[in-house]
Amino acid sequence: GNNLTGALPSEIAKLTKLEILNVSDNQ
């Protein structure tokens, strides 16, 4: 529910414990 554009940064890989990633409702 934000106004994020493009893609997530490649550094997202640092969040190795992530089980849920929700970036719905953006651009």
PDB file of all heavy atoms in Angstrom:
ATOM      1  N   GLY A   1       0.777  -1.227   0.000  1.00  0.00           N
ATOM      2  CA  GLY A   1       0.000   0.000   0.000  1.00  0.00           C
ATOM      3  C   GLY A   1       0.806   1.272   0.000  1.00  0.00           C
ATOM      4  O   GLY A   1       0.420   2.255   0.630  1.00  0.00           O
ATOM      5  N   ASN A   2       1.925   1.269  -0.679  1.00  0.00           N
ATOM      6  CA  ASN A   2       2.759   2.461  -0.778  1.00  0.00           C
ATOM      7  C   ASN A   2       2.861   2.902  -2.234  1.00  0.00           C
ATOM      8  O   ASN A   2       2.067   2.474  -3.065  1.00  0.00           O
ATOM      9  CB  ASN A   2       4.140   2.189  -0.165  1.00  0.00           C
ATOM     10  CG  ASN A   2       4.096   2.182   1.350  1.00  0.00           C
ATOM     11  OD1 ASN A   2       3.913   3.207   1.972  1.00  0.00           O
ATOM     12  ND2 ASN A   2       4.237   1.003   1.940  1.00  0.00           N
ATOM     13  N   ASN A   3       3.831   3.729  -2.527  1.00  0.00           N
ATOM     14  CA  ASN A   3       4.050   4.211  -3.892  1.00  0.00           C
ATOM     15  C   ASN A   3       5.430   3.797  -4.386  1.00  0.00           C
ATOM     16  O   ASN A   3       6.122   4.577  -5.029  1.00  0.00           O
ATOM     17  CB  ASN A   3       3.902   5.738  -3.945  1.00  0.00           C
ATOM     18  CG  ASN A   3       2.498   6.167  -3.569  1.00  0.00           C
ATOM     19  OD1 ASN A   3       1.535   5.719  -4.161  1.00  0.00           O
ATOM     20  ND2 ASN A   3       2.393   7.018  -2.569  1.00  0.00           N
ATOM     21  N   LEU A   4       5.826   2.562  -4.045  1.00  0.00           N
ATOM     22  CA  LEU A   4       7.144   2.071  -4.446  1.00  0.00           C
ATOM     23  C   LEU A   4       7.136   1.723  -5.929  1.00  0.00           C
ATOM     24  O   LEU A   4       6.183   1.133  -6.435  1.00  0.00           O
ATOM     25  CB  LEU A   4       7.520   0.838  -3.626  1.00  0.00           C
ATOM     26  CG  LEU A   4       7.597   1.037  -2.108  1.00  0.00           C
ATOM     27  CD1 LEU A   4       7.866  -0.281  -1.409  1.00  0.00           C
ATOM     28  CD2 LEU A   4       8.651   2.062  -1.747  1.00  0.00           C
ATOM     29  N   THR A   5       8.217   2.098  -6.608  1.00  0.00           N
ATOM     30  CA  THR A   5       8.357   1.820  -8.034  1.00  0.00           C
ATOM     31  C   THR A   5       9.629   1.010  -8.265  1.00  0.00           C
ATOM     32  O   THR A   5      10.437   0.834  -7.355  1.00  0.00           O
ATOM     33  CB  THR A   5       8.420   3.130  -8.845  1.00  0.00           C
ATOM     34  OG1 THR A   5       9.526   3.899  -8.383  1.00  0.00           O
ATOM     35  CG2 THR A   5       7.139   3.942  -8.700  1.00  0.00           C
ATOM     36  N   GLY A   6       9.819   0.547  -9.489  1.00  0.00           N
ATOM     37  CA  GLY A   6      11.032  -0.207  -9.827  1.00  0.00           C
ATOM     38  C   GLY A   6      11.013  -1.567  -9.167  1.00  0.00           C
ATOM     39  O   GLY A   6      10.024  -2.285  -9.226  1.00  0.00           O
ATOM     40  N   ALA A   7      12.118  -1.916  -8.519  1.00  0.00           N
ATOM     41  CA  ALA A   7      12.245  -3.210  -7.857  1.00  0.00           C
ATOM     42  C   ALA A   7      12.875  -3.016  -6.478  1.00  0.00           C
ATOM     43  O   ALA A   7      13.471  -1.983  -6.199  1.00  0.00           O
ATOM     44  CB  ALA A   7      13.117  -4.148  -8.695  1.00  0.00           C
ATOM     45  N   LEU A   8      12.730  -4.023  -5.646  1.00  0.00           N
ATOM     46  CA  LEU A   8      13.397  -4.001  -4.349  1.00  0.00           C
ATOM     47  C   LEU A   8      14.901  -4.011  -4.584  1.00  0.00           C
ATOM     48  O   LEU A   8      15.375  -4.530  -5.593  1.00  0.00           O
ATOM     49  CB  LEU A   8      13.008  -5.237  -3.532  1.00  0.00           C
ATOM     50  CG  LEU A   8      11.545  -5.344  -3.104  1.00  0.00           C
ATOM     51  CD1 LEU A   8      11.292  -6.702  -2.475  1.00  0.00           C
ATOM     52  CD2 LEU A   8      11.192  -4.234  -2.134  1.00  0.00           C
ATOM     53  N   PRO A   9      15.682  -3.462  -3.649  1.00  0.00           N
ATOM     54  CA  PRO A   9      17.140  -3.501  -3.823  1.00  0.00           C
ATOM     55  C   PRO A   9      17.669  -4.931  -3.726  1.00  0.00           C
ATOM     56  O   PRO A   9      17.086  -5.768  -3.027  1.00  0.00           O
ATOM     57  CB  PRO A   9      17.661  -2.642  -2.670  1.00  0.00           C
ATOM     58  CG  PRO A   9      16.576  -2.633  -1.656  1.00  0.00           C
ATOM     59  CD  PRO A   9      15.284  -2.791  -2.408  1.00  0.00           C
ATOM     60  N   SER A  10      18.753  -5.202  -4.430  1.00  0.00           N
ATOM     61  CA  SER A  10      19.328  -6.555  -4.415  1.00  0.00           C
ATOM     62  C   SER A  10      19.757  -6.969  -3.012  1.00  0.00           C
ATOM     63  O   SER A  10      19.812  -8.155  -2.698  1.00  0.00           O
ATOM     64  CB  SER A  10      20.507  -6.636  -5.383  1.00  0.00           C
ATOM     65  OG  SER A  10      21.496  -5.702  -5.024  1.00  0.00           O
ATOM     66  N   GLU A  11      20.018  -5.985  -2.144  1.00  0.00           N
ATOM     67  CA  GLU A  11      20.425  -6.282  -0.766  1.00  0.00           C
ATOM     68  C   GLU A  11      19.329  -6.966   0.041  1.00  0.00           C
ATOM     69  O   GLU A  11      19.558  -7.393   1.165  1.00  0.00           O
ATOM     70  CB  GLU A  11      20.857  -4.990  -0.043  1.00  0.00           C
ATOM     71  CG  GLU A  11      22.106  -4.359  -0.598  1.00  0.00           C
ATOM     72  CD  GLU A  11      21.826  -3.398  -1.758  1.00  0.00           C
ATOM     73  OE1 GLU A  11      20.660  -3.233  -2.156  1.00  0.00           O
ATOM     74  OE2 GLU A  11      22.777  -2.808  -2.268  1.00  0.00           O
ATOM     75  N   ILE A  12      18.137  -7.103  -0.545  1.00  0.00           N
ATOM     76  CA  ILE A  12      17.047  -7.814   0.128  1.00  0.00           C
ATOM     77  C   ILE A  12      17.506  -9.220   0.532  1.00  0.00           C
ATOM     78  O   ILE A  12      17.009  -9.805   1.485  1.00  0.00           O
ATOM     79  CB  ILE A  12      15.778  -7.872  -0.761  1.00  0.00           C
ATOM     80  CG1 ILE A  12      14.542  -8.290   0.032  1.00  0.00           C
ATOM     81  CG2 ILE A  12      15.957  -8.779  -1.969  1.00  0.00           C
ATOM     82  CD1 ILE A  12      13.966  -7.212   0.897  1.00  0.00           C
ATOM     83  N   ALA A  13      18.485  -9.744  -0.173  1.00  0.00           N
ATOM     84  CA  ALA A  13      19.011 -11.084   0.109  1.00  0.00           C
ATOM     85  C   ALA A  13      19.622 -11.182   1.512  1.00  0.00           C
ATOM     86  O   ALA A  13      19.770 -12.283   2.043  1.00  0.00           O
ATOM     87  CB  ALA A  13      20.050 -11.480  -0.938  1.00  0.00           C
ATOM     88  N   LYS A  14      19.944 -10.051   2.128  1.00  0.00           N
ATOM     89  CA  LYS A  14      20.498 -10.051   3.487  1.00  0.00           C
ATOM     90  C   LYS A  14      19.468 -10.497   4.526  1.00  0.00           C
ATOM     91  O   LYS A  14      19.829 -10.901   5.623  1.00  0.00           O
ATOM     92  CB  LYS A  14      20.984  -8.648   3.862  1.00  0.00           C
ATOM     93  CG  LYS A  14      22.171  -8.166   3.073  1.00  0.00           C
ATOM     94  CD  LYS A  14      22.543  -6.762   3.501  1.00  0.00           C
ATOM     95  CE  LYS A  14      23.707  -6.222   2.703  1.00  0.00           C
ATOM     96  NZ  LYS A  14      24.027  -4.836   3.071  1.00  0.00           N
ATOM     97  N   LEU A  15      18.186 -10.387   4.184  1.00  0.00           N
ATOM     98  CA  LEU A  15      17.121 -10.734   5.134  1.00  0.00           C
ATOM     99  C   LEU A  15      16.823 -12.230   5.043  1.00  0.00           C
ATOM    100  O   LEU A  15      15.749 -12.655   4.642  1.00  0.00           O
ATOM    101  CB  LEU A  15      15.872  -9.885   4.857  1.00  0.00           C
ATOM    102  CG  LEU A  15      16.088  -8.374   4.881  1.00  0.00           C
ATOM    103  CD1 LEU A  15      14.790  -7.637   4.607  1.00  0.00           C
ATOM    104  CD2 LEU A  15      16.678  -7.922   6.209  1.00  0.00           C
ATOM    105  N   THR A  16      17.803 -13.017   5.448  1.00  0.00           N
ATOM    106  CA  THR A  16      17.775 -14.464   5.238  1.00  0.00           C
ATOM    107  C   THR A  16      16.705 -15.195   6.040  1.00  0.00           C
ATOM    108  O   THR A  16      16.389 -16.340   5.745  1.00  0.00           O
ATOM    109  CB  THR A  16      19.137 -15.079   5.578  1.00  0.00           C
ATOM    110  OG1 THR A  16      19.465 -14.723   6.921  1.00  0.00           O
ATOM    111  CG2 THR A  16      20.214 -14.578   4.627  1.00  0.00           C
ATOM    112  N   LYS A  17      16.142 -14.552   7.067  1.00  0.00           N
ATOM    113  CA  LYS A  17      15.124 -15.210   7.894  1.00  0.00           C
ATOM    114  C   LYS A  17      13.696 -14.902   7.433  1.00  0.00           C
ATOM    115  O   LYS A  17      12.737 -15.416   7.999  1.00  0.00           O
ATOM    116  CB  LYS A  17      15.302 -14.807   9.355  1.00  0.00           C
ATOM    117  CG  LYS A  17      16.579 -15.351   9.971  1.00  0.00           C
ATOM    118  CD  LYS A  17      16.684 -14.976  11.436  1.00  0.00           C
ATOM    119  CE  LYS A  17      17.796 -15.698  12.165  1.00  0.00           C
ATOM    120  NZ  LYS A  17      19.104 -15.516  11.652  1.00  0.00           N
ATOM    121  N   LEU A  18      13.558 -14.078   6.382  1.00  0.00           N
ATOM    122  CA  LEU A  18      12.228 -13.692   5.919  1.00  0.00           C
ATOM    123  C   LEU A  18      11.384 -14.904   5.533  1.00  0.00           C
ATOM    124  O   LEU A  18      11.829 -15.767   4.787  1.00  0.00           O
ATOM    125  CB  LEU A  18      12.312 -12.776   4.693  1.00  0.00           C
ATOM    126  CG  LEU A  18      12.391 -11.277   4.906  1.00  0.00           C
ATOM    127  CD1 LEU A  18      12.198 -10.556   3.570  1.00  0.00           C
ATOM    128  CD2 LEU A  18      11.408 -10.763   5.916  1.00  0.00           C
ATOM    129  N   GLU A  19      10.165 -14.940   6.048  1.00  0.00           N
ATOM    130  CA  GLU A  19       9.191 -15.961   5.675  1.00  0.00           C
ATOM    131  C   GLU A  19       8.037 -15.346   4.894  1.00  0.00           C
ATOM    132  O   GLU A  19       7.389 -16.026   4.106  1.00  0.00           O
ATOM    133  CB  GLU A  19       8.653 -16.663   6.924  1.00  0.00           C
ATOM    134  CG  GLU A  19       9.704 -17.464   7.663  1.00  0.00           C
ATOM    135  CD  GLU A  19       9.144 -18.160   8.893  1.00  0.00           C
ATOM    136  OE1 GLU A  19       7.919 -18.410   8.946  1.00  0.00           O
ATOM    137  OE2 GLU A  19       9.928 -18.456   9.800  1.00  0.00           O
ATOM    138  N   ILE A  20       7.782 -14.055   5.129  1.00  0.00           N
ATOM    139  CA  ILE A  20       6.681 -13.360   4.459  1.00  0.00           C
ATOM    140  C   ILE A  20       7.209 -12.043   3.890  1.00  0.00           C
ATOM    141  O   ILE A  20       7.764 -11.223   4.622  1.00  0.00           O
ATOM    142  CB  ILE A  20       5.522 -13.080   5.441  1.00  0.00           C
ATOM    143  CG1 ILE A  20       4.979 -14.390   6.021  1.00  0.00           C
ATOM    144  CG2 ILE A  20       4.402 -12.291   4.743  1.00  0.00           C
ATOM    145  CD1 ILE A  20       4.008 -14.200   7.169  1.00  0.00           C
ATOM    146  N   LEU A  21       7.018 -11.863   2.602  1.00  0.00           N
ATOM    147  CA  LEU A  21       7.386 -10.617   1.927  1.00  0.00           C
ATOM    148  C   LEU A  21       6.152 -10.109   1.201  1.00  0.00           C
ATOM    149  O   LEU A  21       5.653 -10.758   0.285  1.00  0.00           O
ATOM    150  CB  LEU A  21       8.537 -10.836   0.954  1.00  0.00           C
ATOM    151  CG  LEU A  21       8.994  -9.625   0.136  1.00  0.00           C
ATOM    152  CD1 LEU A  21       9.396  -8.455   1.032  1.00  0.00           C
ATOM    153  CD2 LEU A  21      10.152 -10.003  -0.775  1.00  0.00           C
ATOM    154  N   ASN A  22       5.644  -8.965   1.659  1.00  0.00           N
ATOM    155  CA  ASN A  22       4.428  -8.400   1.093  1.00  0.00           C
ATOM    156  C   ASN A  22       4.722  -7.007   0.560  1.00  0.00           C
ATOM    157  O   ASN A  22       4.970  -6.077   1.321  1.00  0.00           O
ATOM    158  CB  ASN A  22       3.328  -8.338   2.157  1.00  0.00           C
ATOM    159  CG  ASN A  22       2.008  -7.833   1.606  1.00  0.00           C
ATOM    160  OD1 ASN A  22       1.917  -7.356   0.480  1.00  0.00           O
ATOM    161  ND2 ASN A  22       0.969  -7.934   2.410  1.00  0.00           N
ATOM    162  N   VAL A  23       4.718  -6.879  -0.753  1.00  0.00           N
ATOM    163  CA  VAL A  23       4.891  -5.569  -1.404  1.00  0.00           C
ATOM    164  C   VAL A  23       3.710  -5.311  -2.339  1.00  0.00           C
ATOM    165  O   VAL A  23       3.843  -4.651  -3.358  1.00  0.00           O
ATOM    166  CB  VAL A  23       6.240  -5.466  -2.151  1.00  0.00           C
ATOM    167  CG1 VAL A  23       7.399  -5.409  -1.177  1.00  0.00           C
ATOM    168  CG2 VAL A  23       6.427  -6.613  -3.119  1.00  0.00           C
ATOM    169  N   SER A  24       2.550  -5.829  -1.959  1.00  0.00           N
ATOM    170  CA  SER A  24       1.353  -5.653  -2.774  1.00  0.00           C
ATOM    171  C   SER A  24       0.914  -4.185  -2.784  1.00  0.00           C
ATOM    172  O   SER A  24       1.283  -3.407  -1.908  1.00  0.00           O
ATOM    173  CB  SER A  24       0.212  -6.531  -2.242  1.00  0.00           C
ATOM    174  OG  SER A  24      -0.128  -6.161  -0.922  1.00  0.00           O
ATOM    175  N   ASP A  25       0.129  -3.847  -3.787  1.00  0.00           N
ATOM    176  CA  ASP A  25      -0.455  -2.506  -3.907  1.00  0.00           C
ATOM    177  C   ASP A  25       0.591  -1.396  -3.952  1.00  0.00           C
ATOM    178  O   ASP A  25       0.537  -0.433  -3.187  1.00  0.00           O
ATOM    179  CB  ASP A  25      -1.470  -2.260  -2.785  1.00  0.00           C
ATOM    180  CG  ASP A  25      -2.591  -3.291  -2.804  1.00  0.00           C
ATOM    181  OD1 ASP A  25      -3.237  -3.414  -3.859  1.00  0.00           O
ATOM    182  OD2 ASP A  25      -2.793  -3.982  -1.795  1.00  0.00           O
ATOM    183  N   ASN A  26       1.549  -1.552  -4.844  1.00  0.00           N
ATOM    184  CA  ASN A  26       2.548  -0.531  -5.147  1.00  0.00           C
ATOM    185  C   ASN A  26       2.554  -0.366  -6.671  1.00  0.00           C
ATOM    186  O   ASN A  26       1.633  -0.820  -7.342  1.00  0.00           O
ATOM    187  CB  ASN A  26       3.926  -0.950  -4.617  1.00  0.00           C
ATOM    188  CG  ASN A  26       4.079  -0.701  -3.127  1.00  0.00           C
ATOM    189  OD1 ASN A  26       4.227   0.429  -2.690  1.00  0.00           O
ATOM    190  ND2 ASN A  26       4.032  -1.767  -2.333  1.00  0.00           N
ATOM    191  N   GLN A  27       3.601   0.238  -7.197  1.00  0.00           N
ATOM    192  CA  GLN A  27       3.759   0.347  -8.649  1.00  0.00           C
ATOM    193  C   GLN A  27       5.071  -0.293  -9.083  1.00  0.00           C
ATOM    194  O   GLN A  27       5.760   0.213  -9.955  1.00  0.00           O
ATOM    195  CB  GLN A  27       3.726   1.819  -9.100  1.00  0.00           C
ATOM    196  CG  GLN A  27       2.348   2.451  -9.077  1.00  0.00           C
ATOM    197  CD  GLN A  27       2.043   3.092  -7.738  1.00  0.00           C
ATOM    198  OE1 GLN A  27       2.861   3.830  -7.192  1.00  0.00           O
ATOM    199  NE2 GLN A  27       0.884   2.816  -7.190  1.00  0.00           N
TER     200      GLN A  27
END
